[in-house]
């Protein structure tokens, strides 16, 4: 058995630990410890081998009294995990110890986004102001920082799909004139805050704003969204690509990110006492066309947004790859601020590449899924507003929790 205090001690000491919530996502979203990752019992055998790549990593599983722990420990043992234990007393014991419960999903990434805005005063414009700029045909460029499939489902009129890690690389191609105002949006708050601050951190000369509260704020203001759009930010010209590389490298340096060689990566991989995640942060189509051996695909913006999904072992090492550079540098800068030990490997020019899409397990179906208030076009206004109210309170909750170790450059 592992006590709540044992978990807190490991988090504060920055030791490796994977705290796994065995409930379905909808139950997980009602309340969980900050650094818990959710793997439902029915998916444990499918997801644990790739989300928990080291067999002797400390794993602590818990539920809220549903009887999921004993079968989970049996499954983990059968899969070869040697240090799996139960949270003594389950979720109730965590609460009884006076520790915080965080709602929703990807909670610590979202809390970090709120902390960034709180510390850096990331500029934003409310939806009616952006609508007025569109109406008057002002010199603006709206960059949608979500995944392309989210953008295609619904988007701000005139917006161009520019997933988060692509922003610094491609902004100059979308808005080459420094007098053009850039507005970054997502569905809610986190990716627009992080995307806007990425461009500011990289020193772009434009005026840069987040669309306050994203498509949620747009919808709550009674404004219409487009659907089915296919606009994508183009690849940059050579000169801007060089400038973007220099800007992003400087941001990563300020965040303390290390750049390593392939030989140094192999040295890290040989360390069997540490978990190592390797992610190629490019778009899926670029990854499929050719990627470094041993790397999985996680678009950079999504890796920052869903870090608990891609790297559930808190305290692990993360190494990023990007054949151009700015995507990995910007992604790594945020992961470092999130408290991760993160490095970027230089792309070897003579190494044979692997092809094909990421070999992640089949996606989860609708069973037990938490309906996010920022997805799709049929969300109730009350649910969207409640979601925003929850996000606004995350900075104070982080302070009460006290285990995060985040910093903001």
Protein backbone atom coordinates (compact mmCIF):
# COMPACT_ATOMS: atom_id res chain seq x y z
CA UNK A 1 0.00 0.00 0.00
CA UNK A 2 1.06 3.58 -0.72
CA UNK A 3 -0.24 6.44 1.40
CA UNK A 4 -1.29 9.87 0.12
CA UNK A 5 1.70 11.33 1.95
CA UNK A 6 4.03 8.90 0.10
CA UNK A 7 2.70 10.22 -3.22
CA UNK A 8 3.07 13.82 -2.15
CA UNK A 9 6.63 13.13 -0.96
CA UNK A 10 7.52 11.62 -4.35
CA UNK A 11 6.07 14.61 -6.20
CA UNK A 12 7.91 17.12 -4.05
CA UNK A 13 11.17 15.16 -4.34
CA UNK A 14 10.64 14.93 -8.11
CA UNK A 15 11.01 11.18 -8.06
CA UNK A 16 9.28 9.12 -10.71
CA UNK A 17 5.71 8.11 -10.00
CA UNK A 18 2.69 7.19 -12.09
CA UNK A 19 -0.55 7.83 -10.24
CA UNK A 20 -3.27 6.06 -12.22
CA UNK A 21 -7.01 6.65 -11.86
CA UNK A 22 -8.81 3.47 -12.92
CA UNK A 23 -12.25 5.00 -13.29
CA UNK A 24 -13.90 6.02 -16.53
CA UNK A 25 -13.09 9.47 -17.82
CA UNK A 26 -16.43 10.98 -16.80
CA UNK A 27 -15.83 9.98 -13.18
CA UNK A 28 -12.18 11.07 -13.31
CA UNK A 29 -13.29 14.52 -14.52
CA UNK A 30 -15.36 15.02 -11.37
CA UNK A 31 -12.25 15.10 -9.19
CA UNK A 32 -8.72 13.67 -9.02
CA UNK A 33 -5.24 14.57 -7.72
CA UNK A 34 -3.37 17.12 -9.83
CA UNK A 35 -0.86 14.73 -11.42
CA UNK A 36 -3.12 11.71 -11.75
CA UNK A 37 -3.43 10.12 -15.20
CA UNK A 38 -6.58 8.30 -16.23
CA UNK A 39 -6.52 4.77 -17.65
CA UNK A 40 -9.83 2.95 -17.22
CA UNK A 41 -9.54 -0.63 -16.03
CA UNK A 42 -11.00 -1.95 -19.29
CA UNK A 43 -8.15 -0.27 -21.24
CA UNK A 44 -5.28 -1.02 -18.86
CA UNK A 45 -3.79 -3.90 -20.85
CA UNK A 46 -3.95 -1.85 -24.05
CA UNK A 47 -2.63 1.49 -22.81
CA UNK A 48 -0.24 0.70 -19.94
CA UNK A 49 2.56 -0.80 -22.09
CA UNK A 50 3.04 2.36 -24.16
CA UNK A 51 2.08 5.01 -21.60
CA UNK A 52 4.24 3.39 -18.89
CA UNK A 53 7.30 2.25 -20.86
CA UNK A 54 9.49 1.19 -17.88
CA UNK A 55 8.36 -2.03 -16.20
CA UNK A 56 9.83 -1.19 -12.79
CA UNK A 57 8.45 2.36 -12.56
CA UNK A 58 6.55 3.05 -9.32
CA UNK A 59 2.84 2.86 -10.16
CA UNK A 60 0.04 3.69 -7.74
CA UNK A 61 -3.52 2.86 -8.77
CA UNK A 62 -6.73 4.01 -7.13
CA UNK A 63 -10.48 4.24 -7.49
CA UNK A 64 -13.31 5.66 -5.42
CA UNK A 65 -14.49 2.37 -3.97
CA UNK A 66 -15.69 0.71 -7.19
CA UNK A 67 -13.53 -2.40 -6.70
CA UNK A 68 -11.20 -1.67 -9.62
CA UNK A 69 -7.88 -1.81 -7.78
CA UNK A 70 -7.44 -5.57 -7.18
CA UNK A 71 -8.06 -6.59 -10.82
CA UNK A 72 -5.83 -3.73 -11.99
CA UNK A 73 -2.94 -4.92 -9.83
CA UNK A 74 -3.40 -8.44 -11.24
CA UNK A 75 -3.32 -7.11 -14.80
CA UNK A 76 -0.25 -4.97 -14.18
CA UNK A 77 1.59 -7.93 -12.67
CA UNK A 78 0.67 -10.06 -15.68
CA UNK A 79 2.01 -7.32 -17.96
CA UNK A 80 5.35 -7.43 -16.15
CA UNK A 81 5.11 -4.32 -13.98
CA UNK A 82 6.95 -5.02 -10.76
CA UNK A 83 6.29 -1.98 -8.55
CA UNK A 84 2.54 -1.44 -8.74
CA UNK A 85 0.67 -0.72 -5.52
CA UNK A 86 -2.68 0.59 -4.35
CA UNK A 87 -3.41 4.00 -2.88
CA UNK A 88 -4.31 3.14 0.69
CA UNK A 89 -7.91 4.18 1.27
CA UNK A 90 -8.42 5.26 -2.35
CA UNK A 91 -9.63 8.68 -3.38
CA UNK A 92 -11.42 9.14 -0.06
CA UNK A 93 -8.09 8.92 1.77
CA UNK A 94 -6.61 11.57 -0.51
CA UNK A 95 -9.46 13.90 0.40
CA UNK A 96 -9.27 12.98 4.09
CA UNK A 97 -5.58 13.96 4.08
CA UNK A 98 -6.67 17.47 3.05
CA UNK A 99 -5.21 17.30 -0.43
CA UNK A 100 -6.73 19.02 -3.45
CA UNK A 101 -8.98 17.41 -6.06
CA UNK A 102 -8.93 18.90 -9.56
CA UNK A 103 -11.87 18.64 -11.92
CA UNK A 104 -12.01 18.15 -15.71
CA UNK A 105 -9.31 16.52 -17.86
CA UNK A 106 -5.73 17.64 -18.65
CA UNK A 107 -6.11 19.66 -15.48
CA UNK A 108 -2.51 20.47 -14.69
CA UNK A 109 -1.78 21.72 -18.21
CA UNK A 110 -4.85 23.94 -18.04
CA UNK A 111 -3.88 25.17 -14.59
CA UNK A 112 -0.44 25.98 -15.95
CA UNK A 113 -1.99 27.97 -18.80
CA UNK A 114 -3.91 30.04 -16.27
CA UNK A 115 -0.71 30.58 -14.30
CA UNK A 116 1.04 31.80 -17.46
CA UNK A 117 -1.70 34.35 -18.11
CA UNK A 118 -1.68 35.39 -14.45
CA UNK A 119 2.10 35.90 -14.39
CA UNK A 120 2.66 37.33 -17.87
CA UNK A 121 -0.64 39.19 -18.30
CA UNK A 122 -1.04 37.62 -21.73
CA UNK A 123 -3.04 40.12 -23.82
CA UNK A 124 -6.45 39.08 -25.06
CA UNK A 125 -9.44 40.52 -26.90
CA UNK A 126 -13.07 39.64 -26.16
CA UNK A 127 -15.14 38.04 -28.88
CA UNK A 128 -17.20 41.17 -29.78
CA UNK A 129 -14.00 43.15 -30.36
CA UNK A 130 -12.62 40.48 -32.68
CA UNK A 131 -15.95 40.27 -34.50
CA UNK A 132 -15.83 44.04 -35.03
CA UNK A 133 -12.32 43.77 -36.49
CA UNK A 134 -13.51 41.07 -38.88
CA UNK A 135 -16.51 43.17 -39.87
CA UNK A 136 -14.42 46.24 -40.65
CA UNK A 137 -11.90 44.12 -42.60
CA UNK A 138 -9.04 45.20 -40.34
CA UNK A 139 -5.50 43.99 -40.97
CA UNK A 140 -5.67 40.89 -38.78
CA UNK A 141 -4.70 37.23 -38.99
CA UNK A 142 -6.60 34.72 -36.86
CA UNK A 143 -4.54 31.61 -36.11
CA UNK A 144 -6.38 28.57 -34.73
CA UNK A 145 -3.98 26.69 -32.45
CA UNK A 146 -6.00 23.47 -32.12
CA UNK A 147 -5.59 20.19 -34.01
CA UNK A 148 -6.74 20.42 -37.60
CA UNK A 149 -9.73 18.12 -37.02
CA UNK A 150 -10.98 20.40 -34.23
CA UNK A 151 -10.55 23.43 -36.48
CA UNK A 152 -12.48 21.75 -39.31
CA UNK A 153 -15.38 20.98 -36.96
CA UNK A 154 -15.92 24.64 -36.08
CA UNK A 155 -13.80 27.75 -36.36
CA UNK A 156 -13.78 31.52 -36.05
CA UNK A 157 -14.66 33.16 -39.41
CA UNK A 158 -11.52 33.63 -41.46
CA UNK A 159 -9.27 31.69 -39.09
CA UNK A 160 -6.37 29.63 -40.44
CA UNK A 161 -5.39 26.29 -38.90
CA UNK A 162 -1.98 26.69 -37.23
CA UNK A 163 -1.59 24.01 -34.54
CA UNK A 164 0.26 25.27 -31.47
CA UNK A 165 3.79 24.04 -32.15
CA UNK A 166 3.57 25.44 -35.69
CA UNK A 167 2.80 29.01 -34.60
CA UNK A 168 6.31 30.44 -34.32
CA UNK A 169 7.38 28.59 -37.47
CA UNK A 170 4.42 29.61 -39.66
CA UNK A 171 3.17 32.94 -38.29
CA UNK A 172 5.48 34.85 -40.61
CA UNK A 173 3.98 33.11 -43.63
CA UNK A 174 0.42 33.97 -42.56
CA UNK A 175 1.20 37.51 -41.38
CA UNK A 176 4.41 38.69 -43.09
CA UNK A 177 3.63 42.36 -42.38
CA UNK A 178 4.62 43.33 -38.81
CA UNK A 179 1.69 45.75 -38.80
CA UNK A 180 -0.76 42.84 -39.05
CA UNK A 181 -2.42 42.07 -35.73
CA UNK A 182 -2.30 38.36 -34.87
CA UNK A 183 -5.13 36.78 -32.87
CA UNK A 184 -4.68 33.23 -31.57
CA UNK A 185 -7.67 31.11 -30.64
CA UNK A 186 -8.51 27.66 -29.36
CA UNK A 187 -11.75 26.17 -28.05
CA UNK A 188 -11.39 27.54 -24.54
CA UNK A 189 -8.39 29.20 -22.96
CA UNK A 190 -5.23 27.11 -22.56
CA UNK A 191 -3.98 26.70 -26.11
CA UNK A 192 -4.79 30.29 -27.03
CA UNK A 193 -2.93 31.58 -23.96
CA UNK A 194 0.08 29.33 -24.60
CA UNK A 195 0.01 30.06 -28.33
CA UNK A 196 -0.18 33.81 -27.85
CA UNK A 197 2.55 33.79 -25.25
CA UNK A 198 4.69 31.60 -27.53
CA UNK A 199 4.65 34.30 -30.21
CA UNK A 200 5.33 36.99 -27.62
CA UNK A 201 8.16 34.98 -26.04
CA UNK A 202 9.66 34.50 -29.51
CA UNK A 203 9.71 38.27 -29.99
CA UNK A 204 7.48 38.63 -33.04
CA UNK A 205 7.05 42.33 -33.88
CA UNK A 206 3.29 42.12 -34.42
CA UNK A 207 0.58 43.04 -31.96
CA UNK A 208 -0.52 39.66 -30.63
CA UNK A 209 -3.66 38.76 -28.70
CA UNK A 210 -5.50 35.67 -27.56
CA UNK A 211 -9.17 35.41 -28.40
CA UNK A 212 -10.48 35.60 -24.86
CA UNK A 213 -12.16 32.29 -23.95
CA UNK A 214 -11.84 30.92 -27.49
CA UNK A 215 -14.79 29.50 -29.38
CA UNK A 216 -16.64 29.21 -26.06
CA UNK A 217 -16.44 32.98 -25.59
CA UNK A 218 -17.38 33.46 -29.25
CA UNK A 219 -20.47 31.28 -28.86
CA UNK A 220 -21.50 32.84 -25.55
CA UNK A 221 -21.35 36.23 -27.27
CA UNK A 222 -23.97 35.01 -29.75
CA UNK A 223 -21.61 34.98 -32.73
CA UNK A 224 -21.62 32.36 -35.48
CA UNK A 225 -18.86 29.87 -36.20
CA UNK A 226 -17.78 28.46 -39.53
CA UNK A 227 -17.75 24.70 -40.11
CA UNK A 228 -15.82 22.48 -42.47
CA UNK A 229 -13.04 24.95 -43.21
CA UNK A 230 -9.77 23.67 -44.70
CA UNK A 231 -7.45 26.69 -44.51
CA UNK A 232 -3.96 25.76 -43.34
CA UNK A 233 -1.01 27.99 -42.55
CA UNK A 234 1.62 27.57 -45.30
CA UNK A 235 5.22 26.53 -44.83
CA UNK A 236 7.47 29.54 -44.23
CA UNK A 237 9.83 31.07 -46.76
CA UNK A 238 13.49 30.24 -46.16
CA UNK A 239 14.35 33.58 -44.58
CA UNK A 240 11.48 33.41 -42.09
CA UNK A 241 12.29 29.78 -41.34
CA UNK A 242 15.81 30.77 -40.35
CA UNK A 243 14.49 33.61 -38.23
CA UNK A 244 11.92 31.35 -36.58
CA UNK A 245 14.67 28.85 -35.70
CA UNK A 246 16.74 31.53 -34.03
CA UNK A 247 13.77 32.95 -32.14
CA UNK A 248 12.59 29.55 -30.89
CA UNK A 249 16.08 28.42 -29.92
CA UNK A 250 16.45 31.53 -27.77
CA UNK A 251 13.16 30.81 -25.97
CA UNK A 252 14.20 27.20 -25.29
CA UNK A 253 17.56 28.40 -23.95
CA UNK A 254 15.83 30.78 -21.55
CA UNK A 255 13.71 27.89 -20.28
CA UNK A 256 16.78 25.74 -19.64
CA UNK A 257 16.19 23.18 -22.40
CA UNK A 258 19.15 21.02 -23.38
CA UNK A 259 20.06 20.09 -26.96
CA UNK A 260 21.66 16.67 -27.33
CA UNK A 261 23.19 14.46 -30.01
CA UNK A 262 21.89 11.08 -31.12
CA UNK A 263 24.73 9.39 -29.20
CA UNK A 264 23.73 11.28 -26.07
CA UNK A 265 20.13 10.18 -26.58
CA UNK A 266 21.29 6.58 -26.74
CA UNK A 267 23.11 7.14 -23.45
CA UNK A 268 19.86 8.37 -21.86
CA UNK A 269 17.96 5.42 -23.32
CA UNK A 270 20.46 3.02 -21.74
CA UNK A 271 19.63 4.35 -18.27
CA UNK A 272 17.19 1.67 -17.11
CA UNK A 273 16.53 3.50 -13.84
CA UNK A 274 14.70 6.35 -15.60
CA UNK A 275 11.61 6.46 -17.78
CA UNK A 276 12.24 8.03 -21.19
CA UNK A 277 9.54 9.39 -23.47
CA UNK A 278 10.50 10.17 -27.08
CA UNK A 279 8.14 12.35 -29.10
CA UNK A 280 8.22 13.76 -32.61
CA UNK A 281 6.22 16.99 -32.30
CA UNK A 282 5.46 17.56 -35.98
CA UNK A 283 2.08 17.22 -37.67
CA UNK A 284 0.88 13.61 -38.17
CA UNK A 285 1.38 13.70 -41.94
CA UNK A 286 5.01 14.81 -41.53
CA UNK A 287 5.60 12.10 -38.94
CA UNK A 288 4.13 9.42 -41.21
CA UNK A 289 6.34 10.50 -44.10
CA UNK A 290 9.49 9.80 -42.09
CA UNK A 291 10.49 9.87 -38.42
CA UNK A 292 13.38 8.89 -36.21
CA UNK A 293 13.43 5.31 -34.89
CA UNK A 294 11.86 4.89 -31.47
CA UNK A 295 9.85 8.11 -31.58
CA UNK A 296 6.10 8.44 -31.25
CA UNK A 297 4.01 11.30 -32.59
CA UNK A 298 2.52 13.99 -30.38
CA UNK A 299 1.83 17.35 -31.99
CA UNK A 300 3.65 19.89 -29.87
CA UNK A 301 0.63 21.92 -28.87
CA UNK A 302 -1.24 18.79 -27.86
CA UNK A 303 1.74 17.47 -25.90
CA UNK A 304 1.65 20.63 -23.78
CA UNK A 305 -2.17 20.50 -23.53
CA UNK A 306 -2.40 16.76 -22.75
CA UNK A 307 0.88 16.05 -20.97
CA UNK A 308 -0.83 13.74 -18.48
CA UNK A 309 -1.93 11.54 -21.38
CA UNK A 310 1.38 11.41 -23.25
CA UNK A 311 3.65 11.28 -20.18
CA UNK A 312 1.80 9.89 -17.14
CA UNK A 313 5.07 9.12 -15.31
CA UNK A 314 5.73 12.36 -13.45
CA UNK A 315 9.49 12.85 -13.06
CA UNK A 316 10.37 11.05 -16.30
CA UNK A 317 12.66 12.38 -19.01
CA UNK A 318 11.22 13.65 -22.29
CA UNK A 319 13.20 13.97 -25.53
CA UNK A 320 11.69 15.79 -28.51
CA UNK A 321 12.50 15.61 -32.22
CA UNK A 322 11.73 18.04 -35.05
CA UNK A 323 13.48 18.09 -38.43
CA UNK A 324 13.28 21.89 -38.61
CA UNK A 325 13.66 22.95 -34.99
CA UNK A 326 11.17 25.62 -33.86
CA UNK A 327 8.38 23.16 -33.06
CA UNK A 328 10.56 21.19 -30.66
CA UNK A 329 12.15 24.29 -29.16
CA UNK A 330 8.82 25.96 -28.38
CA UNK A 331 7.23 22.73 -27.11
CA UNK A 332 10.26 21.98 -24.93
CA UNK A 333 10.23 25.51 -23.51
CA UNK A 334 6.74 24.90 -22.16
CA UNK A 335 7.44 21.39 -20.89
CA UNK A 336 10.46 22.72 -19.00
CA UNK A 337 8.27 25.35 -17.36
CA UNK A 338 5.85 22.55 -16.48
CA UNK A 339 8.67 20.99 -14.48
CA UNK A 340 9.84 18.32 -16.92
CA UNK A 341 13.39 17.14 -17.58
CA UNK A 342 13.24 17.80 -21.34
CA UNK A 343 15.84 17.72 -24.12
CA UNK A 344 15.84 18.09 -27.91
CA UNK A 345 17.80 15.67 -30.06
CA UNK A 346 19.58 16.99 -33.13
CA UNK A 347 18.02 15.42 -36.23
CA UNK A 348 20.67 13.06 -37.68
CA UNK A 349 20.98 13.48 -41.44
CA UNK A 350 22.38 9.99 -42.10
CA UNK A 351 20.00 7.90 -39.99
CA UNK A 352 17.43 5.77 -41.86
CA UNK A 353 13.93 6.97 -41.05
CA UNK A 354 10.87 4.91 -40.24
CA UNK A 355 7.59 5.63 -42.03
CA UNK A 356 3.93 5.22 -41.24
CA UNK A 357 1.55 6.67 -38.66
CA UNK A 358 2.03 6.44 -34.93
CA UNK A 359 1.41 2.93 -33.65
CA UNK A 360 -0.60 4.01 -30.63
CA UNK A 361 -3.37 1.69 -29.46
CA UNK A 362 -6.80 2.08 -31.07
CA UNK A 363 -8.60 5.17 -29.74
CA UNK A 364 -11.13 4.88 -26.98
CA UNK A 365 -14.78 4.69 -27.89
CA UNK A 366 -17.61 6.73 -26.40
CA UNK A 367 -18.00 4.51 -23.33
CA UNK A 368 -17.42 6.45 -20.14
CA UNK A 369 -16.18 9.52 -21.99
CA UNK A 370 -16.38 12.97 -20.42
CA UNK A 371 -18.21 15.40 -22.72
CA UNK A 372 -16.02 18.46 -22.87
CA UNK A 373 -17.94 21.74 -22.79
CA UNK A 374 -15.74 23.14 -25.58
CA UNK A 375 -16.19 20.36 -28.14
CA UNK A 376 -18.56 20.42 -31.06
CA UNK A 377 -21.38 22.87 -31.67
CA UNK A 378 -24.15 21.65 -29.35
CA UNK A 379 -22.94 22.68 -25.89
CA UNK A 380 -25.26 24.33 -23.39
CA UNK A 381 -24.38 27.91 -22.51
CA UNK A 382 -24.51 27.13 -18.78
CA UNK A 383 -21.98 24.29 -19.19
CA UNK A 384 -19.62 26.51 -21.18
CA UNK A 385 -19.81 29.30 -18.62
CA UNK A 386 -19.28 26.86 -15.74
CA UNK A 387 -16.19 25.56 -17.50
CA UNK A 388 -14.76 29.07 -17.80
CA UNK A 389 -15.52 29.79 -14.16
CA UNK A 390 -13.66 26.61 -13.19
CA UNK A 391 -10.59 27.61 -15.21
CA UNK A 392 -10.50 31.05 -13.62
CA UNK A 393 -10.07 29.41 -10.19
CA UNK A 394 -7.17 27.13 -11.09
CA UNK A 395 -4.34 29.48 -10.09
CA UNK A 396 -5.56 29.62 -6.50
CA UNK A 397 -6.07 25.87 -6.46
CA UNK A 398 -2.50 25.32 -7.66
CA UNK A 399 -1.26 27.41 -4.78
CA UNK A 400 -3.27 25.39 -2.27
CA UNK A 401 -2.02 22.10 -3.74
CA UNK A 402 1.64 23.11 -3.55
CA UNK A 403 3.18 20.22 -5.51
CA UNK A 404 3.35 21.55 -9.06
CA UNK A 405 6.88 23.01 -9.37
CA UNK A 406 5.88 25.14 -12.37
CA UNK A 407 7.74 28.30 -13.34
CA UNK A 408 7.04 30.94 -15.98
CA UNK A 409 9.78 32.65 -17.99
